[in-house]
Amino acid sequence: MKFEVKTEKDNYSNSFLGFLRIIFKLALIIIFCDIAVKFGNISRYYQIEYNCKLLSIEKSKPIFKEISRISNLKSKQSIWEFCREVVK
């Protein structure tokens, strides 16, 4: 007859590894979300800069609408002032 004694050491190490896996996955999710937000900000900046350069060349209504949508500016005067600052 064989007699075995189970210890709690295996249970603690497995639960600790599970906890570390969860923490690692959460850290990766947070890092990837932060990168996605930063890429969105960079993309928005370059889109505004591109549209402001287009506006200085071609003064059309769709470009005003696009800049207004991106920058939340409503009047043409404020869009002009904003684009002067961006293009400098």
Protein backbone atom coordinates (compact mmCIF):
# COMPACT_ATOMS: atom_id res chain seq x y z
CA MET A 1 0.00 0.00 0.00
CA LYS A 2 1.29 3.42 -0.97
CA PHE A 3 0.71 6.43 1.21
CA GLU A 4 0.91 9.95 -0.26
CA VAL A 5 0.65 13.27 1.44
CA LYS A 6 -0.47 16.23 -0.62
CA THR A 7 1.02 19.54 0.31
CA GLU A 8 -0.43 22.98 -0.17
CA LYS A 9 2.74 24.18 -1.89
CA ASP A 10 1.48 23.23 -5.36
CA ASN A 11 -1.80 25.01 -4.84
CA TYR A 12 -0.09 28.24 -3.78
CA SER A 13 2.35 28.22 -6.68
CA ASN A 14 -0.43 27.56 -9.22
CA SER A 15 -2.62 30.31 -7.83
CA PHE A 16 0.36 32.70 -7.74
CA LEU A 17 1.17 31.91 -11.40
CA GLY A 18 -2.45 32.47 -12.33
CA PHE A 19 -2.42 35.82 -10.55
CA LEU A 20 0.79 36.84 -12.35
CA ARG A 21 -0.72 35.86 -15.71
CA ILE A 22 -3.77 38.03 -15.07
CA ILE A 23 -1.61 40.99 -14.02
CA PHE A 24 0.59 40.56 -17.12
CA LYS A 25 -2.44 40.44 -19.44
CA LEU A 26 -3.94 43.55 -17.84
CA ALA A 27 -0.63 45.39 -18.19
CA LEU A 28 -0.46 44.48 -21.90
CA ILE A 29 -4.03 45.67 -22.45
CA ILE A 30 -3.28 48.99 -20.73
CA ILE A 31 -0.08 49.48 -22.75
CA PHE A 32 -1.81 48.72 -26.07
CA CYS A 33 -4.71 51.06 -25.24
CA ASP A 34 -2.27 53.84 -24.39
CA ILE A 35 -0.43 53.31 -27.68
CA ALA A 36 -3.72 53.38 -29.61
CA VAL A 37 -4.72 56.68 -28.00
CA LYS A 38 -1.32 58.22 -28.78
CA PHE A 39 -1.52 57.10 -32.40
CA GLY A 40 -4.98 58.67 -32.60
CA ASN A 41 -3.64 61.99 -31.32
CA ILE A 42 -0.71 61.92 -33.75
CA SER A 43 -3.02 61.07 -36.63
CA ARG A 44 -5.41 63.88 -35.69
CA TYR A 45 -2.55 66.40 -35.56
CA TYR A 46 -1.26 65.44 -39.02
CA GLN A 47 -4.78 65.47 -40.43
CA ILE A 48 -5.31 69.02 -39.10
CA GLU A 49 -1.93 70.14 -40.44
CA TYR A 50 -2.66 68.65 -43.88
CA ASN A 51 -6.11 70.25 -44.07
CA CYS A 52 -4.74 73.63 -42.97
CA LYS A 53 -2.13 73.49 -45.71
CA LEU A 54 -4.88 72.62 -48.20
CA LEU A 55 -6.94 75.52 -46.90
CA SER A 56 -4.10 77.94 -47.54
CA ILE A 57 -4.02 76.76 -51.17
CA GLU A 58 -7.66 76.06 -51.90
CA LYS A 59 -10.35 77.82 -49.88
CA SER A 60 -13.26 75.43 -50.28
CA LYS A 61 -16.24 74.69 -48.06
CA PRO A 62 -15.50 70.94 -47.60
CA ILE A 63 -12.07 71.75 -46.15
CA PHE A 64 -13.63 74.23 -43.71
CA LYS A 65 -16.14 71.56 -42.68
CA GLU A 66 -13.41 68.96 -42.21
CA ILE A 67 -11.27 71.25 -40.05
CA SER A 68 -14.36 72.29 -38.11
CA ARG A 69 -15.23 68.65 -37.46
CA ILE A 70 -11.72 67.74 -36.31
CA SER A 71 -10.93 70.82 -34.22
CA ASN A 72 -14.44 71.67 -32.89
CA LEU A 73 -14.16 75.24 -34.18
CA LYS A 74 -17.31 76.72 -35.67
CA SER A 75 -16.55 80.09 -37.24
CA LYS A 76 -14.42 80.60 -40.32
CA GLN A 77 -12.44 83.33 -38.59
CA SER A 78 -11.42 81.06 -35.74
CA ILE A 79 -10.50 78.32 -38.24
CA TRP A 80 -8.30 80.80 -40.14
CA GLU A 81 -6.54 81.88 -36.95
CA PHE A 82 -6.10 78.29 -35.86
CA CYS A 83 -4.63 77.30 -39.23
CA ARG A 84 -2.22 80.23 -39.21
CA GLU A 85 -0.83 78.94 -35.92
CA VAL A 86 -0.60 75.35 -37.16
CA VAL A 87 1.05 76.13 -40.49
CA LYS A 88 3.74 78.42 -38.98
